Amino acid sequence: MARHLLPIAALLLGSGFLFFAGGMNALLLPVRGEQEGFSTFSLGLLGTGWAFGFVTGCLVVSKLVARVGHIRSYSVMAALASLAVLTSLLLLTPYAWVPLRALSGFCFAGAAMIVESWLNEQVDSGSRGKVFGVYQMVNLTSTTAGQLLLTLGDTRGYLFFVIAAMVYSLALIPTAVSSSRAPKPLVETRLNLKELWVNSPVAVVSVVLLGASNSAFGTLAAVYANQVGLPLTMVALFVALPVLAGAVIQVPVGAVSDKIDRRYVMIAMGILAIASDGLFIWFADPGPTLLIVFALMFGMAIFTLFPLAVAHANDHASPEGYVRTSGGLLLLFGLGSIVGPLAAGAAMSMFGPSGLFMVTLVTHIGVILYTVYRISRRAPVPLDDKAHFAVTPTARNTTPQTPALRTGDDSEGQEN
């Protein structure tokens, strides 16, 4: 395994720095925003800004790379991300933070796509699965470490803004000094809604609703935890542990979905999500331990539903269309992500902390109802014709380049 990882160690290190800074910044802003007296609606707008910037980055950065190359483009992304963090420290107002958060999302998407494109070029088919697993582990560990670092100091000062900016700057060094050859152009993705709808209506509806649900939680979970009285250490765990739980449970859930109609598995995970929503809404003050248990249940559900929807769509797609299908669904997820934090922020302003889970409850009910309806309209895919379930990183940080890295398919890069 070491011989496969040594040539890409610099790329993995750069990715680790990128996700460390991204995880820290994603938790720091809502926590500090609450301390500055920002409204919950304004904090929800941070998630909307991030999603808008992220989707834009997925669509635009490939063209920048084609013009100036991977290393220069990556350096621009890291520098602008660092600038966005430092400017957020200087301008403590939501009027500045929302566009700056959009800039961060744009840069994060671009930088991640460039790293994944580079990795795709360096990895052979025989080691691709192992390397992709290591890449996921590095990113998940780095994101969690960045969030947990906030528990070691006072978020009211400038320290963590400076650290996040420094780590973003560090992220460009490994790629800048790497001797690896420049990879092929990035995967370009456009949204072909008609093709996606004909392929899998369940996936189209589900990923839009899940984009709203997952981004609402990803943006406002820290705000919810703070408003119900959790200390900062527990706030960080409340945000980080659901992602870890979702990553772990994807493997057994995916294995089950390979053997039966995936739509039934989606319904089961949707029921778990609804149960979690209901527990958060029903218990006004359950205490830290129960809140963490509820959050683990929630994470197992929401971070598994998206890869199930993508796998179901790929069951109906040709093998050469997997990258196009996954990339299109990611863009739909991003569009849902623009709306989710906005709706949840408004609901929390009206109904209090539980308003977050009132919004996610509606989205999860929608996923189940539409999936049940489609089961009555379309027969399941025969087992022999099904694609294998693929473990997927948190969709909020997944780019159209990620499926190409997982499968090694970049043949469609210039025509999607």
Protein backbone atom coordinates (compact mmCIF):
# COMPACT_ATOMS: atom_id res chain seq x y z
CA MET A 1 0.00 0.00 0.00
CA ALA A 2 2.86 2.38 0.81
CA ARG A 3 4.15 2.27 -2.76
CA HIS A 4 0.77 3.52 -3.96
CA LEU A 5 0.56 6.33 -1.41
CA LEU A 6 4.09 7.74 -1.51
CA PRO A 7 3.74 9.28 -5.00
CA ILE A 8 0.55 11.08 -3.95
CA ALA A 9 1.53 11.94 -0.36
CA ALA A 10 1.89 15.63 -1.21
CA LEU A 11 -1.59 15.72 -2.74
CA LEU A 12 -3.12 13.98 0.27
CA LEU A 13 -1.34 16.39 2.61
CA GLY A 14 -2.62 19.38 0.67
CA SER A 15 -6.13 17.96 0.76
CA GLY A 16 -5.82 17.38 4.50
CA PHE A 17 -4.89 21.03 5.05
CA LEU A 18 -7.77 22.12 2.83
CA PHE A 19 -10.40 20.12 4.72
CA PHE A 20 -8.90 21.02 8.12
CA ALA A 21 -9.28 24.74 7.39
CA GLY A 22 -12.69 24.21 5.79
CA GLY A 23 -14.00 22.28 8.79
CA MET A 24 -12.69 24.86 11.23
CA ASN A 25 -14.16 27.79 9.29
CA ALA A 26 -17.54 26.07 8.83
CA LEU A 27 -17.99 25.72 12.60
CA LEU A 28 -16.27 28.95 13.63
CA LEU A 29 -18.53 31.28 11.66
CA PRO A 30 -21.93 30.24 13.09
CA VAL A 31 -20.49 30.07 16.63
CA ARG A 32 -18.86 33.49 16.37
CA GLY A 33 -21.88 34.89 14.52
CA GLU A 34 -24.13 34.01 17.44
CA GLN A 35 -21.69 35.65 19.82
CA GLU A 36 -21.83 38.79 17.68
CA GLY A 37 -25.63 38.78 17.83
CA PHE A 38 -26.35 37.77 14.24
CA SER A 39 -29.92 36.62 13.68
CA THR A 40 -30.59 32.94 12.99
CA PHE A 41 -31.86 33.92 9.55
CA SER A 42 -28.53 35.64 8.82
CA LEU A 43 -26.63 32.57 9.95
CA GLY A 44 -28.76 30.46 7.62
CA LEU A 45 -27.76 32.77 4.80
CA LEU A 46 -24.14 31.70 5.40
CA GLY A 47 -25.10 28.20 4.27
CA THR A 48 -26.95 29.58 1.28
CA GLY A 49 -23.87 31.60 0.33
CA TRP A 50 -21.59 28.58 0.69
CA ALA A 51 -23.84 26.39 -1.47
CA PHE A 52 -24.14 29.05 -4.18
CA GLY A 53 -20.37 29.51 -4.26
CA PHE A 54 -19.72 25.77 -4.21
CA VAL A 55 -22.06 25.06 -7.15
CA THR A 56 -20.57 27.98 -9.08
CA GLY A 57 -17.08 26.66 -8.42
CA CYS A 58 -18.03 23.23 -9.73
CA LEU A 59 -19.23 24.84 -12.96
CA VAL A 60 -16.55 27.48 -13.50
CA VAL A 61 -13.19 26.32 -12.13
CA SER A 62 -12.65 23.71 -14.84
CA LYS A 63 -12.52 26.55 -17.37
CA LEU A 64 -9.95 28.44 -15.27
CA VAL A 65 -7.78 25.33 -15.03
CA ALA A 66 -7.95 24.86 -18.79
CA ARG A 67 -6.58 28.39 -19.24
CA VAL A 68 -3.84 28.71 -16.60
CA GLY A 69 -3.16 25.18 -15.38
CA HIS A 70 -3.68 23.21 -12.18
CA ILE A 71 -0.96 24.66 -9.96
CA ARG A 72 -1.78 28.31 -10.66
CA SER A 73 -5.51 27.69 -10.29
CA TYR A 74 -5.03 25.84 -7.01
CA SER A 75 -2.83 28.64 -5.68
CA VAL A 76 -5.54 31.17 -6.54
CA MET A 77 -8.18 29.08 -4.74
CA ALA A 78 -6.08 28.71 -1.58
CA ALA A 79 -5.11 32.38 -1.53
CA LEU A 80 -8.69 33.61 -1.97
CA ALA A 81 -9.97 31.18 0.69
CA SER A 82 -7.37 32.51 3.12
CA LEU A 83 -8.34 36.08 2.21
CA ALA A 84 -12.03 35.31 2.80
CA VAL A 85 -11.33 34.03 6.33
CA LEU A 86 -9.22 37.05 7.30
CA THR A 87 -11.71 39.51 5.83
CA SER A 88 -14.47 37.84 7.88
CA LEU A 89 -12.45 38.75 10.97
CA LEU A 90 -12.13 42.38 9.89
CA LEU A 91 -15.79 42.80 8.85
CA LEU A 92 -17.95 41.34 11.62
CA THR A 93 -21.27 41.76 9.86
CA PRO A 94 -23.53 39.32 7.99
CA TYR A 95 -23.59 41.70 5.03
CA ALA A 96 -19.92 40.87 4.50
CA TRP A 97 -19.93 37.30 5.78
CA VAL A 98 -22.54 35.96 3.34
CA PRO A 99 -20.63 36.93 0.14
CA LEU A 100 -17.35 35.95 1.79
CA ARG A 101 -18.84 32.56 2.61
CA ALA A 102 -19.86 32.24 -1.04
CA LEU A 103 -16.26 32.99 -2.01
CA SER A 104 -15.08 30.29 0.41
CA GLY A 105 -17.46 27.77 -1.14
CA PHE A 106 -16.25 28.66 -4.62
CA CYS A 107 -12.59 28.27 -3.64
CA PHE A 108 -13.17 25.06 -1.70
CA ALA A 109 -14.96 23.44 -4.65
CA GLY A 110 -12.24 24.51 -7.06
CA ALA A 111 -9.36 23.37 -4.87
CA ALA A 112 -10.99 20.01 -4.13
CA MET A 113 -11.67 19.39 -7.83
CA ILE A 114 -8.06 20.13 -8.72
CA VAL A 115 -6.69 17.75 -6.05
CA GLU A 116 -9.11 15.00 -7.09
CA SER A 117 -8.19 15.45 -10.75
CA TRP A 118 -4.53 15.15 -9.83
CA LEU A 119 -5.13 12.02 -7.78
CA ASN A 120 -7.15 10.49 -10.58
CA GLU A 121 -4.19 10.89 -12.91
CA GLN A 122 -1.69 9.34 -10.50
CA VAL A 123 -3.68 6.27 -9.40
CA ASP A 124 -3.88 3.05 -11.41
CA SER A 125 -7.05 0.99 -11.62
CA GLY A 126 -5.73 -1.77 -9.34
CA SER A 127 -5.20 0.54 -6.36
CA ARG A 128 -7.98 3.06 -7.01
CA GLY A 129 -10.39 1.74 -4.39
CA LYS A 130 -7.78 1.72 -1.62
CA VAL A 131 -6.47 5.17 -2.50
CA PHE A 132 -9.98 6.61 -2.66
CA GLY A 133 -10.66 5.14 0.79
CA VAL A 134 -7.49 6.76 2.16
CA TYR A 135 -8.47 10.06 0.53
CA GLN A 136 -11.88 9.91 2.22
CA MET A 137 -10.33 9.03 5.56
CA VAL A 138 -7.83 11.92 5.34
CA ASN A 139 -10.57 14.40 4.53
CA LEU A 140 -12.99 13.17 7.18
CA THR A 141 -10.29 13.10 9.86
CA SER A 142 -9.01 16.55 8.88
CA THR A 143 -12.48 18.10 8.90
CA THR A 144 -13.22 16.64 12.34
CA ALA A 145 -9.85 17.76 13.72
CA GLY A 146 -10.43 21.28 12.47
CA GLN A 147 -13.80 21.45 14.19
CA LEU A 148 -12.54 19.98 17.46
CA LEU A 149 -9.62 22.41 17.57
CA LEU A 150 -12.11 25.19 18.35
CA THR A 151 -12.70 23.62 21.77
CA LEU A 152 -9.15 24.51 22.83
CA GLY A 153 -9.56 28.28 22.91
CA ASP A 154 -11.89 31.30 22.88
CA THR A 155 -13.79 31.80 19.63
CA ARG A 156 -14.40 35.45 20.53
CA GLY A 157 -10.87 36.46 19.56
CA TYR A 158 -8.90 36.44 16.33
CA LEU A 159 -6.85 33.26 16.92
CA PHE A 160 -8.94 30.71 15.04
CA PHE A 161 -9.52 32.98 12.06
CA VAL A 162 -5.77 33.38 11.72
CA ILE A 163 -5.13 29.64 12.12
CA ALA A 164 -7.72 28.79 9.46
CA ALA A 165 -6.18 31.31 7.06
CA MET A 166 -2.69 29.95 7.75
CA VAL A 167 -3.78 26.36 7.08
CA TYR A 168 -5.47 27.39 3.83
CA SER A 169 -2.13 28.92 2.82
CA LEU A 170 -0.30 25.75 3.85
CA ALA A 171 -2.61 23.76 1.57
CA LEU A 172 -1.01 25.23 -1.56
CA ILE A 173 2.58 24.29 -0.63
CA PRO A 174 2.44 20.49 -1.22
CA THR A 175 0.94 20.86 -4.69
CA ALA A 176 3.25 23.75 -5.60
CA VAL A 177 6.38 21.69 -4.91
CA SER A 178 5.00 18.38 -6.19
CA SER A 179 6.95 16.78 -9.04
CA SER A 180 3.84 14.94 -10.30
CA ARG A 181 2.93 15.68 -13.88
CA ALA A 182 -0.05 17.89 -14.55
CA PRO A 183 -3.26 15.87 -14.99
CA LYS A 184 -5.82 15.96 -17.75
CA PRO A 185 -8.48 18.72 -17.79
CA LEU A 186 -11.09 18.63 -15.04
CA VAL A 187 -14.45 17.00 -15.50
CA GLU A 188 -16.95 19.57 -16.75
CA THR A 189 -20.52 19.08 -15.64
CA ARG A 190 -23.73 20.68 -16.77
CA LEU A 191 -27.22 20.04 -15.51
CA ASN A 192 -29.30 17.96 -17.93
CA LEU A 193 -32.51 17.76 -15.94
CA LYS A 194 -34.46 15.92 -18.64
CA GLU A 195 -31.87 13.14 -18.87
CA LEU A 196 -31.70 12.80 -15.08
CA TRP A 197 -35.49 12.73 -14.76
CA VAL A 198 -35.90 10.02 -17.40
CA ASN A 199 -33.12 8.06 -15.72
CA SER A 200 -34.45 8.24 -12.14
CA PRO A 201 -37.21 10.58 -10.88
CA VAL A 202 -36.67 9.24 -7.35
CA ALA A 203 -33.05 10.36 -7.38
CA VAL A 204 -33.89 13.80 -8.78
CA VAL A 205 -36.56 14.58 -6.17
CA SER A 206 -34.62 12.99 -3.32
CA VAL A 207 -31.30 14.77 -3.88
CA VAL A 208 -32.97 18.19 -4.07
CA LEU A 209 -34.81 17.53 -0.79
CA LEU A 210 -31.69 16.02 0.81
CA GLY A 211 -29.65 19.01 -0.31
CA ALA A 212 -32.05 21.22 1.61
CA SER A 213 -32.03 18.93 4.66
CA ASN A 214 -28.31 18.20 4.87
CA SER A 215 -27.18 21.75 4.23
CA ALA A 216 -29.63 23.11 6.80
CA PHE A 217 -28.14 20.78 9.40
CA GLY A 218 -24.57 21.39 8.26
CA THR A 219 -25.01 25.16 8.53
CA LEU A 220 -27.19 25.50 11.63
CA ALA A 221 -26.41 22.44 13.77
CA ALA A 222 -23.90 24.47 15.75
CA VAL A 223 -26.45 27.25 16.21
CA TYR A 224 -29.06 24.75 17.41
CA ALA A 225 -26.61 23.16 19.85
CA ASN A 226 -25.57 26.53 21.20
CA GLN A 227 -29.17 27.72 21.62
CA VAL A 228 -30.14 24.61 23.61
CA GLY A 229 -27.25 25.26 25.99
CA LEU A 230 -24.49 22.85 24.99
CA PRO A 231 -20.93 23.92 25.84
CA LEU A 232 -18.52 24.45 22.93
CA THR A 233 -16.93 21.00 23.28
CA MET A 234 -20.33 19.35 22.97
CA VAL A 235 -21.26 21.69 20.12
CA ALA A 236 -18.22 20.46 18.18
CA LEU A 237 -19.14 16.83 18.88
CA PHE A 238 -22.76 17.49 17.94
CA VAL A 239 -21.58 18.72 14.53
CA ALA A 240 -18.79 16.19 13.90
CA LEU A 241 -20.15 12.87 15.20
CA PRO A 242 -23.15 12.62 12.84
CA VAL A 243 -20.81 12.85 9.85
CA LEU A 244 -18.61 10.08 11.29
CA ALA A 245 -21.66 7.93 12.03
CA GLY A 246 -22.93 8.39 8.50
CA ALA A 247 -19.56 7.40 7.05
CA VAL A 248 -19.39 4.22 9.13
CA ILE A 249 -22.92 2.98 8.47
CA GLN A 250 -22.72 3.51 4.70
CA VAL A 251 -20.83 0.23 4.27
CA PRO A 252 -23.44 -2.17 5.76
CA VAL A 253 -26.38 -0.17 4.41
CA GLY A 254 -24.83 -0.12 0.96
CA ALA A 255 -24.25 -3.88 1.08
CA VAL A 256 -27.93 -4.46 1.88
CA SER A 257 -29.02 -2.12 -0.91
CA ASP A 258 -26.97 -4.12 -3.43
CA LYS A 259 -29.16 -7.17 -2.66
CA ILE A 260 -32.65 -5.65 -2.63
CA ASP A 261 -34.52 -2.76 -4.21
CA ARG A 262 -32.61 0.33 -3.05
CA ARG A 263 -35.84 2.28 -2.75
CA TYR A 264 -36.90 0.14 0.21
CA VAL A 265 -33.58 0.89 1.90
CA MET A 266 -34.12 4.60 1.21
CA ILE A 267 -37.53 4.37 2.87
CA ALA A 268 -36.01 2.65 5.91
CA MET A 269 -33.33 5.33 6.29
CA GLY A 270 -35.97 7.99 5.71
CA ILE A 271 -38.01 6.57 8.59
CA LEU A 272 -34.90 6.75 10.80
CA ALA A 273 -34.43 10.37 9.73
CA ILE A 274 -38.06 11.21 10.55
CA ALA A 275 -37.75 9.52 13.94
CA SER A 276 -34.66 11.62 14.66
CA ASP A 277 -36.44 14.80 13.53
CA GLY A 278 -39.35 13.97 15.82
CA LEU A 279 -37.11 13.36 18.82
CA PHE A 280 -35.41 16.73 18.38
CA ILE A 281 -38.80 18.45 18.10
CA TRP A 282 -40.54 16.55 20.90
CA PHE A 283 -37.87 16.83 23.60
CA ALA A 284 -37.39 20.47 24.53
CA ASP A 285 -34.49 19.80 26.92
CA PRO A 286 -33.23 16.20 26.61
CA GLY A 287 -29.74 16.84 28.00
CA PRO A 288 -26.34 16.55 26.28
CA THR A 289 -26.18 12.75 26.18
CA LEU A 290 -29.55 12.26 24.50
CA LEU A 291 -28.84 15.09 22.09
CA ILE A 292 -25.68 13.32 20.93
CA VAL A 293 -27.63 10.06 20.56
CA PHE A 294 -30.29 11.84 18.50
CA ALA A 295 -27.56 13.44 16.38
CA LEU A 296 -25.91 10.07 15.73
CA MET A 297 -29.25 8.64 14.54
CA PHE A 298 -29.78 11.70 12.37
CA GLY A 299 -26.32 11.43 10.82
CA MET A 300 -26.73 7.74 10.05
CA ALA A 301 -29.87 8.56 8.10
CA ILE A 302 -29.13 11.76 6.22
CA PHE A 303 -25.55 10.99 5.21
CA THR A 304 -26.59 7.60 3.82
CA LEU A 305 -29.65 8.69 1.86
CA PHE A 306 -27.69 10.69 -0.71
CA PRO A 307 -25.34 7.86 -1.80
CA LEU A 308 -28.35 5.53 -1.91
CA ALA A 309 -30.11 7.93 -4.28
CA VAL A 310 -27.00 8.21 -6.47
CA ALA A 311 -26.57 4.42 -6.54
CA HIS A 312 -30.25 4.01 -7.51
CA ALA A 313 -29.75 6.48 -10.37
CA ASN A 314 -26.63 4.63 -11.51
CA ASP A 315 -28.62 1.39 -11.54
CA HIS A 316 -30.56 2.89 -14.46
CA ALA A 317 -27.55 4.50 -16.15
CA SER A 318 -25.04 2.91 -18.50
CA PRO A 319 -21.56 2.32 -17.00
CA GLU A 320 -20.09 5.06 -19.15
CA GLY A 321 -22.75 7.45 -17.82
CA TYR A 322 -21.97 7.09 -14.10
CA VAL A 323 -19.83 10.21 -13.90
CA ARG A 324 -22.37 12.32 -15.82
CA THR A 325 -25.24 11.06 -13.66
CA SER A 326 -23.41 11.56 -10.36
CA GLY A 327 -22.19 15.01 -11.37
CA GLY A 328 -25.66 16.13 -12.40
CA LEU A 329 -27.17 14.89 -9.14
CA LEU A 330 -24.49 16.75 -7.19
CA LEU A 331 -25.53 19.98 -8.90
CA LEU A 332 -29.16 19.30 -7.99
CA PHE A 333 -28.05 18.62 -4.41
CA GLY A 334 -26.28 21.98 -4.51
CA LEU A 335 -29.42 23.75 -5.68
CA GLY A 336 -31.33 22.24 -2.76
CA SER A 337 -28.49 23.32 -0.49
CA ILE A 338 -29.08 26.94 -1.45
CA VAL A 339 -32.69 26.82 -0.18
CA GLY A 340 -32.30 24.62 2.92
CA PRO A 341 -30.33 26.92 5.27
CA LEU A 342 -32.51 29.86 4.27
CA ALA A 343 -35.72 28.00 5.18
CA ALA A 344 -34.25 26.57 8.37
CA GLY A 345 -32.92 29.95 9.50
CA ALA A 346 -36.36 31.47 9.02
CA ALA A 347 -38.03 28.58 10.88
CA MET A 348 -35.60 28.86 13.81
CA SER A 349 -36.29 32.60 14.02
CA MET A 350 -40.03 31.87 14.20
CA PHE A 351 -40.20 28.67 16.30
CA GLY A 352 -36.90 28.53 18.15
CA PRO A 353 -34.14 25.91 17.86
CA SER A 354 -36.52 23.07 16.94
CA GLY A 355 -37.42 24.96 13.76
CA LEU A 356 -34.31 23.44 12.18
CA PHE A 357 -35.75 19.95 12.49
CA MET A 358 -39.23 21.04 11.43
CA VAL A 359 -37.69 21.88 8.06
CA THR A 360 -35.70 18.64 7.83
CA LEU A 361 -38.83 16.69 8.85
CA VAL A 362 -40.74 18.10 5.87
CA THR A 363 -37.95 17.17 3.46
CA HIS A 364 -37.65 13.62 4.80
CA ILE A 365 -41.41 13.06 4.60
CA GLY A 366 -41.20 14.23 1.00
CA VAL A 367 -38.43 11.73 0.21
CA ILE A 368 -40.43 8.83 1.63
CA LEU A 369 -43.75 9.75 0.03
CA TYR A 370 -42.28 10.20 -3.43
CA THR A 371 -40.21 7.02 -3.16
CA VAL A 372 -43.30 5.02 -2.18
CA TYR A 373 -45.17 6.51 -5.12
CA ARG A 374 -42.40 5.58 -7.57
CA ILE A 375 -42.27 2.00 -6.27
CA SER A 376 -45.85 1.66 -7.48
CA ARG A 377 -44.91 3.07 -10.89
CA ARG A 378 -41.63 1.36 -11.79
CA ALA A 379 -40.34 -2.16 -11.29
CA PRO A 380 -37.03 -2.68 -9.44
CA VAL A 381 -33.78 -3.14 -11.34
CA PRO A 382 -32.79 -6.83 -11.65
CA LEU A 383 -29.96 -7.71 -9.28
CA ASP A 384 -27.62 -8.68 -12.11
CA ASP A 385 -28.04 -5.25 -13.71
CA LYS A 386 -27.42 -3.17 -10.59
CA ALA A 387 -24.35 -1.01 -10.11
CA HIS A 388 -22.39 -1.56 -6.91
CA PHE A 389 -23.05 0.87 -4.08
CA ALA A 390 -20.16 3.29 -3.63
CA VAL A 391 -19.36 4.93 -0.30
CA THR A 392 -19.64 8.67 -0.83
CA PRO A 393 -18.07 11.48 1.19
CA THR A 394 -20.36 14.11 2.67
CA ALA A 395 -22.22 15.40 -0.38
CA ARG A 396 -21.80 18.99 0.78
CA ASN A 397 -18.06 18.66 0.09
CA THR A 398 -18.30 16.32 -2.91
CA THR A 399 -17.49 17.70 -6.35
CA PRO A 400 -18.27 16.36 -9.85
CA GLN A 401 -14.62 15.26 -9.97
CA THR A 402 -15.12 12.86 -7.03
CA PRO A 403 -17.03 10.19 -9.01
CA ALA A 404 -14.33 10.33 -11.68
CA LEU A 405 -11.68 9.72 -9.03
CA ARG A 406 -13.63 6.80 -7.60
CA THR A 407 -14.28 5.13 -10.95
CA GLY A 408 -11.30 6.30 -12.92
CA ASP A 409 -13.64 7.56 -15.66
CA ASP A 410 -12.67 10.89 -17.15
CA SER A 411 -13.71 10.12 -20.69
CA GLU A 412 -16.70 12.44 -20.45
CA GLY A 413 -14.82 15.33 -18.97
CA GLN A 414 -15.22 17.67 -21.89
CA GLU A 415 -18.79 16.86 -22.92
CA ASN A 416 -20.87 16.92 -19.77
